[in-house]
Every structure is written in C-alpha cells, then in structure tokens.
C-alpha cells in the first residue's frame, strides 16, 4: 500500500519532468555559427557572388567565335505591267525560303575585351569581400545582442537577490513589529523595496526578451524568439587581460578588413573600365564568314535547284567620331576612380579613429572592472556589518536601506563592467575584421 501511495505521489512529478525539456545553454560561438548558417543576408550575398561570376563568364565570351543561324520564309503575290506589253497585267505568286550560317570571330578590339574580363574578375573579388563584410556586420550585431542578453540576466539575478534580501528583512521586521520592537513603518519600508525590486525585474526581463528577439532574428529562428529552454551562457567572473596595440590593430585591419579590401578591388575594376573605354578609340578586327542558301518555289528556273552563297573574309571597323561619347566614358570612369580613392582614404581614417576609440574603451573598461570588483567586495562587508547592527538595534533602518542600495548598485555595476570589458574587445575585433576568425571571449 505504501508503494502504491508513493507511486501516486511521484507519477505527476515524473510527468512534469518529461514535459519540461532540459535547459540548453547557448554560447556566443553557437550564436555566431547559427547566424552564419541561417541568416538570409548570407544567402543573398552568395547569390550576388554567383551573379558577378555570371558577368565574368559573359566577359570571357568574346574570346570565342559566335555562330548565328538564320532562316526565313516569304510568300509573294505579284501583279505587274511589263514594259513590252503594257496593255496586259501579269499576276503570279511564289514562295522564297532560305537560311544562313554566319560566323564572327573577334581578333582585336584595342584590348577592350581583356580589360572587361579583368574588370569582371575584380568585381567577383569585390562581391566575395562584401559577402565577408556582411558576415562581419552580422557577427557584430549577434555579439552585441548576446552581451545585452547576458547583462539583462545578470541584472535579473542581482534584482532577485535584492528582492529576496528585502523579503527576509520584511518578515523579520514584521515579527519585531508584532513584538513591539519596531514601528509598522519599518515593515512597510521593506515591503516597498520588495515591490521596487519586482518592478525593476520586469524591466530587466523586457530587456532580456528584446535582446533574445534580436538574436532569434539574426539566427533566423522560425518562431521569432529563443525557445523557452534556451538560455545564454553565464559570463565569466574575470575580465580579459588582452592589451591591444593601435599600430598592430590598424595594420591588421588594412590587410584583412573586407570592406576596405573591397574598395581596392572596386578601384582596380574601374581602372580596367578606363581601359575598356580607351579600347573603343581603337579599330576592331574580326574574321567573318557566311553560308547562305535560298530557293524560289513557284518560279520556273532552268534546273529548279536552289542557290547558295558563301564567303570568308576579314572585317575592320573603326569609329572615327562618336560625338564625344567614348571620351566622356573615359572621364566618367576616371572620376569614379578618384571618388573611390577618396572613399577608401576616408574609410582608412574612420578605421584608425575607431580602433583608437575601442582600445581606449577597452583599457578603461578593464580598469573600471577592477575598481568595481573592489567596491562590490567592500559593499558586501559593509552590508553584513550594518545588518548585524540593525538586528542588534544599533543601526537605523535608513542606514540599512542605504547599504543595501549600495550593494545592489555595486553588484549591477560589476556585472555591467565585466560584460563591457568583453564587449569593447569584441567591438575592436569587429572593427579590424578579426571577428571573422577569432574565437569569442568567454
């Protein structure tokens, strides 16, 4: 009978355990992997690479001959007055059909086709680099959202601890109030602080939900939010100790950052476009050939056989005057080259400034973390001391409120400084392009 009773008690618990899936820890590496695998912007960039490769294939086609097959069929109905017999009208109808095969092989066009091919090849490189830059920006967004979710979790935990601490004090104050040791206002004070902590928990939960929604969007989750059993991994207790150098980080950025390298590829593509335009000023030479066959059906001939014509030759074309169109194309491409050169220099200055800023922020964030760590440790000692004094009737409730507020704030500031020290280095990695091949900080 006891066994049956025990089974009745444990069976609902077993069902609840079966219904609740285990908590799955989501690391930053997991988020980045999911973003790169599922985000539609990645697939869009890959399709643009395929489009650029198709343009390169088009640019290679002039190296091969073109064959054109033509066919025609025409039905004629004629009525004429011959000059030798103008008093009579002659009417007749007949059909003409035929076909031709024409070949054209470009031999020389002022090196324009070679320049088109090189320009298209540089544009393929540019598209590949822009695809890498899309990955860089997506990883940056995912990292920021992940750290925001971690910070919200830390804030929730801090506020929950604050709420539980004040709830314990509330119960103790109520007991002391019933014993006549403290006024009822002390009980209300702790009740208010419990409610305030709950209100702040709601806001922190909202911050967490927003960060998780952004993560779900970047990871292209169909539900539009993280599963209920999935939680971001807790942040490490220690801050990273890496001390980056401005010169080394800038050197790495200028040789690895995709969008900066894409401007170089774009500049070289425009350089080839200038050569394409200059090639139009030169004559073009091609081998040409044609085989044509036609037959008149309904017209009396001596042998009733069709006719054919074939020829092979060399074609030369030289546009001596185009109204300034070719010269205008050259000036346009050269101006675009200069503009892209200025854009590249502007991007270099922006990268240099951003690297300096993130390095300064990283150094400051590490110093703030070490300071906040000491402040939190001291706040705990002060709170424990004042709590004992309050329970002994020596310290006032106002003083206890102050030290508890200081402890909560210092714990929240410590969590924020720890995450900020991680995020500043990750922002630096995104600025230099290291985020594409660097493992996330713990």
Protein backbone atom coordinates (compact mmCIF):
# COMPACT_ATOMS: atom_id res chain seq x y z
CA UNK A 1 0.00 0.00 0.00
CA UNK A 2 2.87 2.35 0.79
CA UNK A 3 4.43 1.62 -2.61
CA UNK A 4 1.19 2.48 -4.37
CA UNK A 5 0.90 5.73 -2.43
CA UNK A 6 4.49 6.62 -3.27
CA UNK A 7 3.84 5.96 -6.98
CA UNK A 8 0.78 8.19 -6.89
CA UNK A 9 2.90 10.97 -5.47
CA UNK A 10 5.85 10.57 -7.85
CA UNK A 11 3.88 9.96 -11.06
CA UNK A 12 2.80 13.62 -11.55
CA UNK A 13 6.35 14.75 -10.82
CA UNK A 14 7.63 12.30 -13.43
CA UNK A 15 5.16 13.64 -15.99
CA UNK A 16 6.23 17.22 -15.29
CA UNK A 17 9.88 16.27 -15.72
CA UNK A 18 9.05 14.61 -19.02
CA UNK A 19 7.05 17.63 -20.20
CA UNK A 20 9.78 20.17 -19.35
CA UNK A 21 12.77 19.91 -21.68
CA UNK A 22 16.20 20.41 -20.11
CA UNK A 23 17.73 23.87 -20.15
CA UNK A 24 20.05 24.32 -23.15
CA UNK A 25 22.99 26.68 -22.71
CA UNK A 26 23.58 28.97 -25.68
CA UNK A 27 27.15 30.17 -26.10
CA UNK A 28 28.31 33.07 -28.22
CA UNK A 29 30.07 30.58 -30.53
CA UNK A 30 26.73 28.80 -31.03
CA UNK A 31 25.02 32.08 -31.88
CA UNK A 32 27.67 33.05 -34.40
CA UNK A 33 27.56 29.63 -36.06
CA UNK A 34 23.76 29.76 -36.35
CA UNK A 35 23.84 33.29 -37.78
CA UNK A 36 26.36 32.36 -40.46
CA UNK A 37 24.42 29.22 -41.35
CA UNK A 38 20.86 30.54 -41.39
CA UNK A 39 20.71 34.30 -41.87
CA UNK A 40 19.18 35.18 -45.28
CA UNK A 41 21.60 38.07 -45.76
CA UNK A 42 24.37 35.47 -46.06
CA UNK A 43 22.49 33.64 -48.78
CA UNK A 44 21.76 36.93 -50.53
CA UNK A 45 25.47 37.80 -50.61
CA UNK A 46 26.25 34.36 -52.05
CA UNK A 47 23.73 34.90 -54.84
CA UNK A 48 25.38 38.23 -55.65
CA UNK A 49 28.69 36.40 -55.97
CA UNK A 50 27.07 34.00 -58.44
CA UNK A 51 25.71 36.97 -60.39
CA UNK A 52 29.21 38.51 -60.55
CA UNK A 53 30.64 35.18 -61.72
CA UNK A 54 28.00 35.09 -64.46
CA UNK A 55 29.09 38.56 -65.58
CA UNK A 56 32.69 37.28 -65.70
CA UNK A 57 31.53 34.41 -67.90
CA UNK A 58 29.90 36.95 -70.22
CA UNK A 59 33.14 38.95 -70.35
CA UNK A 60 35.07 35.83 -71.41
CA UNK A 61 32.70 35.05 -74.31
CA UNK A 62 34.30 37.48 -76.87
CA UNK A 63 37.38 35.24 -76.94
CA UNK A 64 35.31 32.59 -78.74
CA UNK A 65 33.67 32.88 -82.15
CA UNK A 66 29.94 33.48 -82.46
CA UNK A 67 27.78 31.41 -84.78
CA UNK A 68 24.44 32.78 -85.92
CA UNK A 69 21.86 30.66 -87.72
CA UNK A 70 19.11 32.50 -89.60
CA UNK A 71 16.12 31.25 -91.53
CA UNK A 72 13.30 32.90 -93.46
CA UNK A 73 10.18 32.06 -95.39
CA UNK A 74 8.30 34.63 -97.50
CA UNK A 75 5.21 34.28 -99.69
CA UNK A 76 4.86 36.78 -102.57
CA UNK A 77 1.81 37.72 -104.67
CA UNK A 78 2.79 39.95 -107.61
CA UNK A 79 0.94 41.93 -110.25
CA UNK A 80 2.98 43.79 -112.93
CA UNK A 81 2.65 45.67 -116.27
CA UNK A 82 5.67 44.67 -118.35
CA UNK A 83 7.03 47.49 -120.48
CA UNK A 84 6.95 45.27 -123.54
CA UNK A 85 3.24 44.59 -123.12
CA UNK A 86 1.68 47.43 -121.18
CA UNK A 87 -1.85 46.55 -122.20
CA UNK A 88 -1.81 43.36 -120.20
CA UNK A 89 -1.33 42.71 -116.46
CA UNK A 90 0.54 39.64 -115.35
CA UNK A 91 -0.14 38.10 -111.97
CA UNK A 92 1.85 35.40 -110.22
CA UNK A 93 2.55 34.03 -106.72
CA UNK A 94 5.62 32.26 -105.40
CA UNK A 95 7.47 31.47 -102.15
CA UNK A 96 11.06 32.15 -101.19
CA UNK A 97 12.72 30.43 -98.29
CA UNK A 98 16.27 30.02 -97.23
CA UNK A 99 18.76 30.07 -94.39
CA UNK A 100 22.27 31.13 -93.49
CA UNK A 101 25.01 30.28 -91.03
CA UNK A 102 27.22 33.22 -90.10
CA UNK A 103 30.45 33.16 -88.07
CA UNK A 104 32.22 36.09 -86.45
CA UNK A 105 35.49 35.83 -84.52
CA UNK A 106 36.88 38.96 -82.92
CA UNK A 107 40.66 39.16 -83.33
CA UNK A 108 41.49 42.61 -81.94
CA UNK A 109 39.48 45.36 -80.28
CA UNK A 110 42.10 47.57 -78.67
CA UNK A 111 42.45 45.18 -75.68
CA UNK A 112 38.93 46.14 -74.54
CA UNK A 113 37.75 42.55 -74.06
CA UNK A 114 40.78 41.76 -71.89
CA UNK A 115 40.01 44.81 -69.75
CA UNK A 116 36.34 43.76 -69.47
CA UNK A 117 37.39 40.32 -68.29
CA UNK A 118 39.77 41.73 -65.67
CA UNK A 119 37.14 44.23 -64.51
CA UNK A 120 34.60 41.44 -64.10
CA UNK A 121 37.15 39.32 -62.22
CA UNK A 122 37.87 42.18 -59.81
CA UNK A 123 34.12 42.61 -59.30
CA UNK A 124 33.87 38.93 -58.35
CA UNK A 125 36.60 39.53 -55.77
CA UNK A 126 34.73 42.61 -54.58
CA UNK A 127 31.49 40.66 -54.16
CA UNK A 128 33.28 37.97 -52.19
CA UNK A 129 34.80 40.60 -49.92
CA UNK A 130 31.42 42.30 -49.45
CA UNK A 131 29.97 38.90 -48.52
CA UNK A 132 32.68 38.63 -45.85
CA UNK A 133 31.77 42.12 -44.68
CA UNK A 134 28.14 41.05 -44.39
CA UNK A 135 29.32 38.24 -42.14
CA UNK A 136 31.40 40.69 -40.12
CA UNK A 137 28.46 43.02 -39.50
CA UNK A 138 26.10 40.15 -38.67
CA UNK A 139 28.59 38.72 -36.19
CA UNK A 140 28.93 42.16 -34.64
CA UNK A 141 25.15 42.51 -34.24
CA UNK A 142 24.87 39.00 -32.82
CA UNK A 143 27.68 39.65 -30.34
CA UNK A 144 26.17 42.91 -29.09
CA UNK A 145 22.72 41.32 -28.69
CA UNK A 146 24.19 38.29 -26.91
CA UNK A 147 26.08 40.51 -24.45
CA UNK A 148 22.92 42.56 -23.87
CA UNK A 149 21.04 39.36 -23.07
CA UNK A 150 23.79 38.33 -20.66
CA UNK A 151 23.69 41.75 -19.00
CA UNK A 152 19.91 41.51 -18.62
CA UNK A 153 20.28 38.08 -16.99
CA UNK A 154 22.89 39.47 -14.59
CA UNK A 155 20.58 42.37 -13.71
CA UNK A 156 17.67 39.99 -13.13
CA UNK A 157 19.79 37.87 -10.79
CA UNK A 158 21.00 40.93 -8.88
CA UNK A 159 17.47 42.30 -8.52
CA UNK A 160 16.11 38.90 -7.47
CA UNK A 161 18.76 38.71 -4.74
CA UNK A 162 17.85 42.24 -3.66
CA UNK A 163 14.19 41.27 -3.57
CA UNK A 164 14.86 38.15 -1.51
CA UNK A 165 17.09 40.08 0.88
CA UNK A 166 14.39 42.69 1.47
CA UNK A 167 11.73 40.00 1.78
CA UNK A 168 13.73 38.38 4.57
CA UNK A 169 14.08 41.75 6.27
CA UNK A 170 10.34 42.35 5.75
CA UNK A 171 9.46 39.12 7.56
CA UNK A 172 11.91 39.89 10.34
CA UNK A 173 10.57 43.44 10.70
CA UNK A 174 7.01 42.11 10.87
CA UNK A 175 7.97 39.77 13.70
CA UNK A 176 9.69 42.59 15.54
CA UNK A 177 6.71 44.85 14.92
CA UNK A 178 4.37 42.30 16.49
CA UNK A 179 6.74 42.15 19.42
CA UNK A 180 6.58 45.95 19.71
CA UNK A 181 10.29 46.41 18.98
CA UNK A 182 9.95 48.49 15.75
CA UNK A 183 7.26 50.70 14.24
CA UNK A 184 4.99 49.40 11.46
CA UNK A 185 6.67 51.81 9.02
CA UNK A 186 9.75 49.55 9.07
CA UNK A 187 7.62 46.71 7.73
CA UNK A 188 6.16 48.96 5.03
CA UNK A 189 9.67 50.15 4.12
CA UNK A 190 10.85 46.65 3.25
CA UNK A 191 7.55 45.87 1.52
CA UNK A 192 8.06 48.89 -0.72
CA UNK A 193 11.63 47.83 -1.51
CA UNK A 194 10.43 44.32 -2.45
CA UNK A 195 7.90 45.85 -4.85
CA UNK A 196 10.52 48.20 -6.27
CA UNK A 197 12.82 45.25 -6.93
CA UNK A 198 9.98 43.37 -8.64
CA UNK A 199 9.28 46.38 -10.85
CA UNK A 200 12.92 46.55 -11.88
CA UNK A 201 12.91 42.81 -12.57
CA UNK A 202 10.05 43.34 -15.03
CA UNK A 203 12.10 45.95 -16.89
CA UNK A 204 15.20 43.74 -16.91
CA UNK A 205 13.08 40.87 -18.20
CA UNK A 206 11.84 43.11 -21.00
CA UNK A 207 15.44 44.00 -21.89
CA UNK A 208 16.25 40.30 -21.97
CA UNK A 209 13.26 39.47 -24.18
CA UNK A 210 14.19 42.24 -26.64
CA UNK A 211 17.80 41.05 -26.86
CA UNK A 212 16.63 37.46 -27.38
CA UNK A 213 14.21 38.57 -30.10
CA UNK A 214 17.07 40.25 -31.95
CA UNK A 215 19.16 37.10 -31.54
CA UNK A 216 16.32 34.97 -32.89
CA UNK A 217 16.00 37.29 -35.90
CA UNK A 218 19.72 37.12 -36.62
CA UNK A 219 19.70 33.33 -36.21
CA UNK A 220 16.61 33.16 -38.48
CA UNK A 221 14.64 31.09 -35.98
CA UNK A 222 11.14 30.44 -37.37
CA UNK A 223 9.42 31.20 -34.04
CA UNK A 224 10.93 34.70 -33.91
CA UNK A 225 12.25 34.13 -30.38
CA UNK A 226 14.54 31.80 -28.49
CA UNK A 227 13.00 28.54 -27.25
CA UNK A 228 11.85 28.62 -23.62
CA UNK A 229 14.50 26.10 -22.57
CA UNK A 230 17.39 28.02 -24.18
CA UNK A 231 19.43 30.46 -22.11
CA UNK A 232 22.61 32.41 -22.91
CA UNK A 233 25.62 31.04 -21.09
CA UNK A 234 26.69 32.91 -17.93
CA UNK A 235 29.55 35.33 -18.31
CA UNK A 236 32.98 34.60 -16.86
CA UNK A 237 33.85 36.06 -13.47
CA UNK A 238 37.06 37.59 -14.77
CA UNK A 239 37.64 40.24 -17.42
CA UNK A 240 40.04 39.61 -20.34
CA UNK A 241 43.58 40.88 -19.90
CA UNK A 242 44.42 41.44 -23.58
CA UNK A 243 46.15 44.77 -24.26
CA UNK A 244 45.94 45.57 -27.99
CA UNK A 245 48.24 47.96 -29.86
CA UNK A 246 46.88 50.67 -32.16
CA UNK A 247 49.56 50.22 -34.83
CA UNK A 248 49.25 46.42 -34.95
CA UNK A 249 45.46 46.51 -35.00
CA UNK A 250 45.43 49.12 -37.78
CA UNK A 251 47.91 47.12 -39.83
CA UNK A 252 45.75 44.03 -39.46
CA UNK A 253 42.60 45.95 -40.38
CA UNK A 254 44.03 47.43 -43.57
CA UNK A 255 45.10 43.98 -44.78
CA UNK A 256 42.11 41.95 -43.59
CA UNK A 257 39.00 44.09 -43.16
CA UNK A 258 36.68 43.06 -46.03
CA UNK A 259 35.03 46.37 -46.87
CA UNK A 260 38.39 48.15 -47.06
CA UNK A 261 39.77 45.46 -49.35
CA UNK A 262 36.55 45.68 -51.39
CA UNK A 263 37.27 49.34 -52.16
CA UNK A 264 40.65 48.29 -53.55
CA UNK A 265 39.03 45.64 -55.74
CA UNK A 266 36.45 48.19 -56.89
CA UNK A 267 39.20 50.68 -57.75
CA UNK A 268 41.02 48.08 -59.86
CA UNK A 269 37.76 47.19 -61.62
CA UNK A 270 37.25 50.86 -62.51
CA UNK A 271 40.84 51.04 -63.74
CA UNK A 272 40.01 48.30 -66.22
CA UNK A 273 36.83 50.14 -67.21
CA UNK A 274 39.01 53.08 -68.25
CA UNK A 275 40.95 50.71 -70.50
CA UNK A 276 37.67 49.41 -71.94
CA UNK A 277 36.66 52.95 -72.87
CA UNK A 278 40.09 53.65 -74.35
CA UNK A 279 39.85 50.44 -76.36
CA UNK A 280 36.80 51.85 -78.15
CA UNK A 281 39.06 54.51 -79.66
CA UNK A 282 40.99 51.77 -81.48
CA UNK A 283 39.86 49.79 -84.56
CA UNK A 284 38.38 46.32 -84.17
CA UNK A 285 39.33 43.42 -86.42
CA UNK A 286 37.34 40.22 -86.89
CA UNK A 287 37.22 37.12 -89.07
CA UNK A 288 33.81 36.71 -90.70
CA UNK A 289 32.21 34.01 -92.79
CA UNK A 290 28.76 33.18 -94.12
CA UNK A 291 26.99 30.33 -95.89
CA UNK A 292 23.52 31.18 -97.28
CA UNK A 293 21.01 29.04 -99.18
CA UNK A 294 17.69 30.13 -100.72
CA UNK A 295 15.17 28.69 -103.09
CA UNK A 296 12.26 30.14 -105.09
CA UNK A 297 9.26 27.88 -105.08
CA UNK A 298 6.80 28.57 -107.89
CA UNK A 299 9.26 30.39 -110.13
CA UNK A 300 10.29 28.50 -113.24
CA UNK A 301 14.08 28.03 -113.46
CA UNK A 302 16.31 26.07 -115.73
CA UNK A 303 17.22 23.36 -113.25
CA UNK A 304 14.83 24.02 -110.33
CA UNK A 305 17.74 23.92 -107.85
CA UNK A 306 18.22 26.39 -105.05
CA UNK A 307 21.00 28.94 -104.88
CA UNK A 308 23.67 29.37 -102.25
CA UNK A 309 26.33 31.91 -101.41
CA UNK A 310 29.34 31.51 -99.14
CA UNK A 311 32.20 33.80 -98.25
CA UNK A 312 35.08 34.20 -95.80
CA UNK A 313 36.79 37.49 -95.05
CA UNK A 314 38.20 39.98 -92.61
CA UNK A 315 36.12 42.81 -91.18
CA UNK A 316 37.56 46.09 -89.94
CA UNK A 317 35.59 48.69 -88.01
CA UNK A 318 36.89 51.97 -86.65
CA UNK A 319 34.58 54.55 -85.16
CA UNK A 320 36.39 57.74 -86.08
CA UNK A 321 33.83 60.03 -84.46
CA UNK A 322 31.18 59.23 -81.85
CA UNK A 323 30.11 62.69 -80.74
CA UNK A 324 32.43 62.60 -77.71
CA UNK A 325 30.76 59.52 -76.21
CA UNK A 326 33.96 57.49 -75.80
CA UNK A 327 35.92 60.39 -74.32
CA UNK A 328 33.05 61.01 -71.93
CA UNK A 329 33.11 57.38 -70.78
CA UNK A 330 36.83 57.65 -70.07
CA UNK A 331 36.38 60.81 -68.00
CA UNK A 332 33.46 59.21 -66.14
CA UNK A 333 35.48 56.12 -65.18
CA UNK A 334 38.49 58.20 -64.15
CA UNK A 335 36.29 60.42 -61.97
CA UNK A 336 34.74 57.32 -60.36
CA UNK A 337 38.25 56.02 -59.66
CA UNK A 338 39.22 59.26 -57.93
CA UNK A 339 36.00 59.27 -55.93
CA UNK A 340 36.55 55.67 -54.82
CA UNK A 341 40.13 56.54 -53.87
CA UNK A 342 38.83 59.31 -51.62
CA UNK A 343 36.26 56.93 -50.18
CA UNK A 344 39.00 54.43 -49.37
CA UNK A 345 41.05 57.11 -47.62
CA UNK A 346 38.01 58.23 -45.65
CA UNK A 347 37.38 54.63 -44.60
CA UNK A 348 41.02 54.26 -43.53
CA UNK A 349 40.76 57.35 -41.32
CA UNK A 350 37.48 56.07 -39.88
CA UNK A 351 39.02 52.69 -39.09
CA UNK A 352 42.02 54.35 -37.48
CA UNK A 353 39.82 56.53 -35.29
CA UNK A 354 37.51 53.66 -34.31
CA UNK A 355 40.45 51.41 -33.37
CA UNK A 356 41.91 54.12 -31.14
CA UNK A 357 38.50 54.65 -29.53
CA UNK A 358 37.89 50.95 -28.85
CA UNK A 359 41.39 50.46 -27.43
CA UNK A 360 40.87 53.39 -25.06
CA UNK A 361 37.47 51.99 -24.10
CA UNK A 362 38.94 48.53 -23.52
CA UNK A 363 41.65 49.90 -21.24
CA UNK A 364 39.14 51.99 -19.31
CA UNK A 365 36.65 49.10 -19.09
CA UNK A 366 39.32 46.82 -17.61
CA UNK A 367 40.26 49.47 -15.01
CA UNK A 368 36.59 50.08 -14.17
CA UNK A 369 36.03 46.35 -13.73
CA UNK A 370 38.90 46.03 -11.27
CA UNK A 371 37.61 49.02 -9.33
CA UNK A 372 34.01 47.80 -9.31
CA UNK A 373 35.18 44.43 -8.09
CA UNK A 374 36.77 46.05 -5.04
CA UNK A 375 33.70 48.25 -4.48
CA UNK A 376 31.38 45.22 -4.53
CA UNK A 377 33.53 43.24 -2.11
CA UNK A 378 33.59 46.17 0.30
CA UNK A 379 29.83 46.74 -0.13
CA UNK A 380 29.15 43.16 0.95
CA UNK A 381 31.24 43.63 4.08
CA UNK A 382 29.51 46.92 4.91
CA UNK A 383 26.04 45.43 4.36
CA UNK A 384 26.77 42.44 6.58
CA UNK A 385 28.09 44.72 9.30
CA UNK A 386 25.12 47.12 9.15
CA UNK A 387 22.64 44.22 9.02
CA UNK A 388 24.08 42.83 12.23
CA UNK A 389 23.95 46.29 13.80
CA UNK A 390 20.33 46.75 12.70
CA UNK A 391 19.31 43.39 14.13
CA UNK A 392 21.01 44.39 17.38
CA UNK A 393 19.06 47.66 17.39
CA UNK A 394 22.14 49.84 16.93
CA UNK A 395 21.80 50.89 13.25
CA UNK A 396 18.77 52.66 11.82
CA UNK A 397 16.60 51.32 9.03
CA UNK A 398 17.67 54.29 6.88
CA UNK A 399 21.27 53.17 7.13
CA UNK A 400 20.30 49.59 6.26
CA UNK A 401 18.44 50.86 3.19
CA UNK A 402 21.49 52.81 2.11
CA UNK A 403 23.93 49.90 2.34
CA UNK A 404 21.54 47.52 0.61
CA UNK A 405 21.04 50.03 -2.21
CA UNK A 406 24.81 50.43 -2.49
CA UNK A 407 25.31 46.66 -2.60
CA UNK A 408 22.69 46.21 -5.32
CA UNK A 409 24.11 49.01 -7.40
CA UNK A 410 27.70 47.82 -6.99
CA UNK A 411 26.77 44.26 -7.96
CA UNK A 412 24.93 45.50 -11.03
CA UNK A 413 27.83 47.81 -11.91
CA UNK A 414 30.26 44.92 -11.54
CA UNK A 415 28.26 42.75 -13.91
CA UNK A 416 27.95 45.60 -16.40
CA UNK A 417 31.68 46.40 -16.25
CA UNK A 418 32.59 42.74 -16.74
CA UNK A 419 30.41 42.42 -19.83
CA UNK A 420 31.50 45.83 -21.10
CA UNK A 421 35.16 44.81 -20.88
CA UNK A 422 34.36 41.80 -23.07
CA UNK A 423 32.26 43.80 -25.49
CA UNK A 424 34.83 46.54 -26.05
CA UNK A 425 37.40 43.98 -27.24
CA UNK A 426 34.79 42.33 -29.45
CA UNK A 427 33.91 45.69 -30.96
CA UNK A 428 37.61 46.14 -31.67
CA UNK A 429 37.72 42.71 -33.32
CA UNK A 430 34.77 43.69 -35.49
CA UNK A 431 36.48 46.93 -36.45
CA UNK A 432 39.67 45.17 -37.54
CA UNK A 433 37.98 42.12 -39.08
CA UNK A 434 39.42 39.69 -36.52
CA UNK A 435 35.88 38.74 -35.57
CA UNK A 436 35.76 36.60 -38.71
CA UNK A 437 38.44 34.23 -37.43
CA UNK A 438 38.75 34.89 -33.69
CA UNK A 439 37.03 32.67 -31.16
CA UNK A 440 34.65 34.60 -28.86
CA UNK A 441 35.82 35.75 -25.45
CA UNK A 442 34.40 33.75 -22.57
